[in-house]
Amino acid sequence: MAASVLSILHNKLCGILGKLNLFFLIPTTLALFTCLFIIFYITFTSNLFFQLYPHSPPFNSTLTKPTTFTFTQALHSGTNNQHLNKENTENRSEVFHDRDIFVESYKDMNRSLKIYVYPHRKDDPFANVLLPVNFAPGGNYASESYFKKVLVKSHFVTKIPSEADFFFMPFSIARLRHDARVGITGLPEFISRYIFNISHNYPYWNRTGGADHFYAACHSVGKIAMQKASEVKFNAIQVVCSSSYFVSSYVPHKDASLPQIWPRQGDPPNLTPYNR
């Protein structure tokens, strides 16, 4: 009797163990097949990618020989290949995806781009901030003043707002910072009032929320100037001398960096920029 009971228990235990083995075997098998499928998929798609999109040789490869050309000559001669000697300004062709397309695009921009500068009178209380300076700018923030001086005299400027692609707000952050009526603490309020005025006196800001408006700034305090005008910080184009000044405000996909200069006295070195 006892032997038969033990035999029954043994058979039941064997059945249970068999089911448990089957229970663990199925997921293990599925996991193995999944891993094999993933490996096969990665291998297949990687080979397909490299076949369809072969890598270009590196710039220092013997297959890629850098060439030089005069940008100003290319601008006038269209797609003709022009080469220079070391005495002239050089541009390395590797910086362009397609040199000829870039030149044609630049020519089109140079011909058609129009900018409307918000007008301000000479007797404006803040004419020193809003109008171009009438002297040669100096110091490490000179780029800001030179940018405005050159822009307002350029062929890009239009007096017809309906023709404009962009709208320039001509306030100077550097000059506001040194104006006793404004100073550093008054910058946010001044910019806020300026945006309020142009958005209520002109229809152009409201059409795009300021997305086609821009200003230039080289002084580091520019990063606090927009504290009360977030629409400028997030919508308008900020042309700044260094993105590091605007770590919390600089938006790479819409803002631009302006080369910063510090004018020096005396004759410049007789070297091309490439060899300086």
Protein backbone atom coordinates (compact mmCIF):
# COMPACT_ATOMS: atom_id res chain seq x y z
CA MET A 1 0.00 0.00 0.00
CA ALA A 2 2.75 2.42 0.97
CA ALA A 3 4.69 1.52 -2.17
CA SER A 4 1.74 2.32 -4.42
CA VAL A 5 1.26 5.71 -2.71
CA LEU A 6 4.92 6.57 -3.21
CA SER A 7 4.68 5.54 -6.84
CA ILE A 8 1.68 7.81 -7.39
CA LEU A 9 3.45 10.74 -5.71
CA HIS A 10 6.56 10.12 -7.83
CA ASN A 11 4.54 10.15 -11.05
CA LYS A 12 2.76 13.37 -10.07
CA LEU A 13 6.05 15.05 -9.16
CA CYS A 14 7.57 14.01 -12.47
CA GLY A 15 4.56 15.45 -14.29
CA ILE A 16 4.81 18.73 -12.42
CA LEU A 17 8.55 18.98 -13.10
CA GLY A 18 7.95 18.25 -16.77
CA LYS A 19 5.40 21.06 -16.98
CA LEU A 20 7.80 23.43 -15.18
CA ASN A 21 10.57 22.57 -17.62
CA LEU A 22 8.21 23.26 -20.52
CA PHE A 23 7.13 26.55 -18.87
CA PHE A 24 10.72 27.81 -18.71
CA LEU A 25 11.75 26.36 -22.07
CA ILE A 26 9.20 28.31 -24.15
CA PRO A 27 10.21 31.85 -23.05
CA THR A 28 13.90 30.95 -23.24
CA THR A 29 13.44 29.73 -26.79
CA LEU A 30 11.48 32.86 -27.73
CA ALA A 31 14.17 35.10 -26.23
CA LEU A 32 16.87 33.26 -28.18
CA PHE A 33 14.98 33.62 -31.47
CA THR A 34 14.38 37.32 -30.72
CA CYS A 35 18.09 37.95 -30.16
CA LEU A 36 18.97 36.13 -33.37
CA PHE A 37 16.39 38.17 -35.29
CA ILE A 38 17.74 41.46 -33.90
CA ILE A 39 21.32 40.52 -34.82
CA PHE A 40 20.22 39.53 -38.32
CA TYR A 41 18.23 42.76 -38.75
CA ILE A 42 21.12 44.99 -37.63
CA THR A 43 23.57 43.17 -39.88
CA PHE A 44 21.28 43.35 -42.89
CA THR A 45 20.31 47.02 -42.51
CA SER A 46 23.91 48.08 -41.79
CA ASN A 47 25.12 46.46 -44.98
CA LEU A 48 22.26 48.03 -46.89
CA PHE A 49 23.06 51.49 -45.48
CA PHE A 50 26.75 51.35 -46.37
CA GLN A 51 25.89 50.17 -49.87
CA LEU A 52 23.36 52.95 -50.48
CA TYR A 53 25.27 55.74 -48.71
CA PRO A 54 29.01 55.20 -49.00
CA HIS A 55 31.20 57.38 -46.82
CA SER A 56 33.14 60.18 -48.45
CA PRO A 57 36.91 60.12 -48.02
CA PRO A 58 38.25 62.37 -45.26
CA PHE A 59 39.58 65.80 -46.10
CA ASN A 60 43.18 64.69 -45.66
CA SER A 61 42.70 61.74 -47.98
CA THR A 62 44.73 61.66 -51.18
CA LEU A 63 41.42 61.39 -53.06
CA THR A 64 40.31 64.81 -51.86
CA LYS A 65 42.60 67.65 -52.85
CA PRO A 66 41.57 71.05 -51.47
CA THR A 67 41.15 73.81 -54.02
CA THR A 68 41.01 77.54 -53.56
CA PHE A 69 38.99 80.22 -55.29
CA THR A 70 38.29 83.92 -55.05
CA PHE A 71 34.81 84.38 -53.71
CA THR A 72 34.47 87.88 -55.15
CA GLN A 73 35.54 86.66 -58.59
CA ALA A 74 33.21 83.69 -58.38
CA LEU A 75 30.43 86.08 -57.42
CA HIS A 76 30.84 87.95 -60.71
CA SER A 77 31.74 85.05 -62.97
CA GLY A 78 29.02 82.61 -61.94
CA THR A 79 30.17 79.00 -62.07
CA ASN A 80 33.59 79.48 -63.67
CA ASN A 81 36.39 77.88 -61.71
CA GLN A 82 38.72 80.56 -60.45
CA HIS A 83 41.96 79.89 -58.63
CA LEU A 84 44.17 82.28 -56.68
CA ASN A 85 47.67 82.65 -55.47
CA LYS A 86 48.52 83.27 -51.82
CA GLU A 87 48.42 87.06 -52.23
CA ASN A 88 44.63 87.11 -52.58
CA THR A 89 41.84 86.17 -50.21
CA GLU A 90 41.23 82.45 -50.17
CA ASN A 91 38.28 80.22 -49.40
CA ARG A 92 38.65 76.49 -49.02
CA SER A 93 36.10 74.72 -51.20
CA GLU A 94 35.48 71.99 -48.61
CA VAL A 95 33.32 74.37 -46.54
CA PHE A 96 30.68 74.33 -49.27
CA HIS A 97 28.43 71.39 -50.10
CA ASP A 98 28.32 72.77 -53.63
CA ARG A 99 30.37 75.87 -54.42
CA ASP A 100 28.45 76.87 -57.55
CA ILE A 101 25.06 76.56 -55.89
CA PHE A 102 26.30 78.58 -52.93
CA VAL A 103 27.61 81.38 -55.17
CA GLU A 104 24.34 81.56 -57.09
CA SER A 105 22.37 81.58 -53.83
CA TYR A 106 24.60 84.34 -52.45
CA LYS A 107 24.16 86.42 -55.60
CA ASP A 108 20.39 86.05 -55.33
CA MET A 109 20.46 87.07 -51.65
CA ASN A 110 22.75 90.01 -52.36
CA ARG A 111 20.36 91.20 -55.05
CA SER A 112 16.98 90.63 -53.43
CA LEU A 113 17.32 90.80 -49.62
CA LYS A 114 15.56 93.83 -48.14
CA ILE A 115 15.65 95.09 -44.56
CA TYR A 116 13.46 97.76 -43.02
CA VAL A 117 15.13 99.73 -40.23
CA TYR A 118 12.69 101.24 -37.75
CA PRO A 119 13.11 105.02 -38.22
CA HIS A 120 14.04 107.44 -35.46
CA ARG A 121 14.55 111.20 -35.64
CA LYS A 122 17.77 112.99 -34.82
CA ASP A 123 15.96 114.92 -32.09
CA ASP A 124 14.76 111.72 -30.42
CA PRO A 125 15.69 111.73 -26.70
CA PHE A 126 17.51 108.44 -27.28
CA ALA A 127 19.04 109.26 -30.66
CA ASN A 128 22.44 108.33 -29.23
CA VAL A 129 21.11 104.81 -28.68
CA LEU A 130 18.91 104.37 -31.76
CA LEU A 131 20.88 106.08 -34.55
CA PRO A 132 24.28 105.10 -35.95
CA VAL A 133 27.21 106.82 -34.28
CA ASN A 134 28.91 109.61 -36.26
CA PHE A 135 32.42 108.56 -35.28
CA ALA A 136 34.67 105.55 -35.73
CA PRO A 137 33.67 103.00 -33.08
CA GLY A 138 36.36 101.61 -30.81
CA GLY A 139 36.80 99.13 -28.00
CA ASN A 140 35.82 95.50 -27.75
CA TYR A 141 32.15 96.25 -28.48
CA ALA A 142 32.84 98.12 -31.73
CA SER A 143 31.24 95.39 -33.85
CA GLU A 144 27.80 96.37 -32.60
CA SER A 145 28.18 100.00 -33.75
CA TYR A 146 29.92 99.10 -37.00
CA PHE A 147 27.15 96.64 -37.85
CA LYS A 148 24.52 99.38 -37.63
CA LYS A 149 26.65 101.99 -39.45
CA VAL A 150 27.30 99.66 -42.37
CA LEU A 151 23.78 98.26 -42.52
CA VAL A 152 21.95 101.60 -42.74
CA LYS A 153 24.20 102.67 -45.65
CA SER A 154 23.90 99.39 -47.52
CA HIS A 155 21.73 98.53 -50.51
CA PHE A 156 19.85 96.03 -48.34
CA VAL A 157 17.88 98.77 -46.58
CA THR A 158 14.45 99.69 -47.92
CA LYS A 159 12.12 102.48 -46.84
CA ILE A 160 9.11 100.49 -48.04
CA PRO A 161 8.12 98.03 -45.27
CA SER A 162 6.03 95.89 -47.62
CA GLU A 163 9.23 95.00 -49.51
CA ALA A 164 11.14 93.98 -46.39
CA ASP A 165 12.19 90.44 -45.60
CA PHE A 166 13.44 91.45 -42.15
CA PHE A 167 12.99 94.33 -39.71
CA PHE A 168 15.93 95.76 -37.78
CA MET A 169 15.47 97.16 -34.27
CA PRO A 170 18.37 99.64 -34.02
CA PHE A 171 18.76 100.02 -30.26
CA SER A 172 22.31 99.63 -28.97
CA ILE A 173 22.79 97.48 -25.88
CA ALA A 174 26.32 98.81 -25.32
CA ARG A 175 25.24 102.46 -25.47
CA LEU A 176 22.18 101.82 -23.31
CA ARG A 177 24.43 100.22 -20.73
CA HIS A 178 26.52 103.44 -20.52
CA ASP A 179 23.55 105.83 -20.70
CA ALA A 180 22.97 107.32 -17.22
CA ARG A 181 19.20 107.39 -17.84
CA VAL A 182 19.07 103.62 -18.37
CA GLY A 183 22.14 101.74 -17.18
CA ILE A 184 22.25 98.02 -16.54
CA THR A 185 19.22 97.92 -14.25
CA GLY A 186 17.05 99.90 -16.68
CA LEU A 187 17.81 97.79 -19.75
CA PRO A 188 14.92 95.30 -19.40
CA GLU A 189 12.36 98.09 -18.99
CA PHE A 190 13.71 100.04 -21.98
CA ILE A 191 13.57 97.00 -24.29
CA SER A 192 10.09 96.11 -23.05
CA ARG A 193 8.82 99.63 -23.80
CA TYR A 194 10.53 99.63 -27.19
CA ILE A 195 8.78 96.41 -28.23
CA PHE A 196 5.48 97.77 -26.92
CA ASN A 197 5.88 100.92 -29.03
CA ILE A 198 6.75 99.25 -32.33
CA SER A 199 4.06 96.60 -31.88
CA HIS A 200 1.40 99.28 -31.31
CA ASN A 201 2.61 101.83 -33.86
CA TYR A 202 3.46 99.38 -36.66
CA PRO A 203 1.71 96.19 -37.82
CA TYR A 204 4.86 94.24 -38.70
CA TRP A 205 5.77 92.78 -35.31
CA ASN A 206 2.28 91.42 -34.75
CA ARG A 207 2.18 89.64 -38.12
CA THR A 208 4.89 87.18 -37.12
CA GLY A 209 5.27 87.67 -33.38
CA GLY A 210 8.69 89.16 -34.07
CA ALA A 211 10.10 86.17 -35.96
CA ASP A 212 11.31 88.39 -38.84
CA HIS A 213 12.78 91.04 -36.51
CA PHE A 214 16.39 91.20 -35.34
CA TYR A 215 18.80 93.27 -33.29
CA ALA A 216 22.56 93.30 -32.81
CA ALA A 217 24.31 93.18 -29.44
CA CYS A 218 27.91 92.71 -28.36
CA HIS A 219 27.81 93.65 -24.68
CA SER A 220 27.46 90.79 -22.22
CA VAL A 221 24.66 92.61 -20.36
CA GLY A 222 22.47 91.91 -23.38
CA LYS A 223 21.55 88.63 -21.74
CA ILE A 224 19.61 90.48 -19.02
CA ALA A 225 18.16 93.09 -21.39
CA MET A 226 15.41 90.70 -22.51
CA GLN A 227 14.21 89.75 -19.04
CA LYS A 228 10.96 91.69 -19.57
CA ALA A 229 10.67 90.94 -23.28
CA SER A 230 10.63 87.16 -23.58
CA GLU A 231 9.02 87.44 -27.03
CA VAL A 232 12.28 88.95 -28.28
CA LYS A 233 14.38 86.23 -26.68
CA PHE A 234 12.29 83.38 -28.05
CA ASN A 235 11.00 84.80 -31.35
CA ALA A 236 13.28 87.52 -32.71
CA ILE A 237 16.69 86.88 -34.26
CA GLN A 238 19.52 87.79 -31.92
CA VAL A 239 22.72 88.77 -33.76
CA VAL A 240 25.27 88.61 -30.97
CA CYS A 241 29.05 88.83 -30.86
CA SER A 242 29.39 85.56 -28.98
CA SER A 243 26.87 82.89 -28.13
CA SER A 244 28.66 82.39 -24.81
CA TYR A 245 27.29 85.76 -23.65
CA PHE A 246 23.79 84.38 -24.11
CA VAL A 247 24.12 80.87 -22.73
CA SER A 248 20.59 80.92 -21.32
CA SER A 249 19.06 82.93 -24.17
CA TYR A 250 20.94 81.96 -27.33
CA VAL A 251 18.82 79.76 -29.61
CA PRO A 252 21.12 78.18 -32.22
CA HIS A 253 18.48 77.45 -34.88
CA LYS A 254 17.38 81.10 -35.15
CA ASP A 255 20.12 83.32 -33.70
CA ALA A 256 23.43 84.27 -35.32
CA SER A 257 26.93 85.12 -34.16
CA LEU A 258 28.60 88.35 -35.26
CA PRO A 259 32.42 88.39 -35.55
CA GLN A 260 33.78 90.52 -32.73
CA ILE A 261 36.47 93.06 -33.58
CA TRP A 262 38.62 95.39 -31.50
CA PRO A 263 39.96 98.20 -33.72
CA ARG A 264 43.65 98.92 -33.30
CA GLN A 265 45.76 101.89 -34.33
CA GLY A 266 48.39 101.67 -37.03
CA ASP A 267 48.62 99.81 -40.31
CA PRO A 268 47.27 96.25 -40.47
CA PRO A 269 49.72 93.44 -41.23
CA ASN A 270 50.23 92.81 -44.94
CA LEU A 271 49.01 89.23 -44.72
CA THR A 272 45.96 87.44 -46.00
CA PRO A 273 43.54 86.27 -43.28
CA TYR A 274 44.47 82.70 -44.16
CA ASN A 275 48.13 83.30 -43.28
CA ARG A 276 47.76 85.50 -40.20
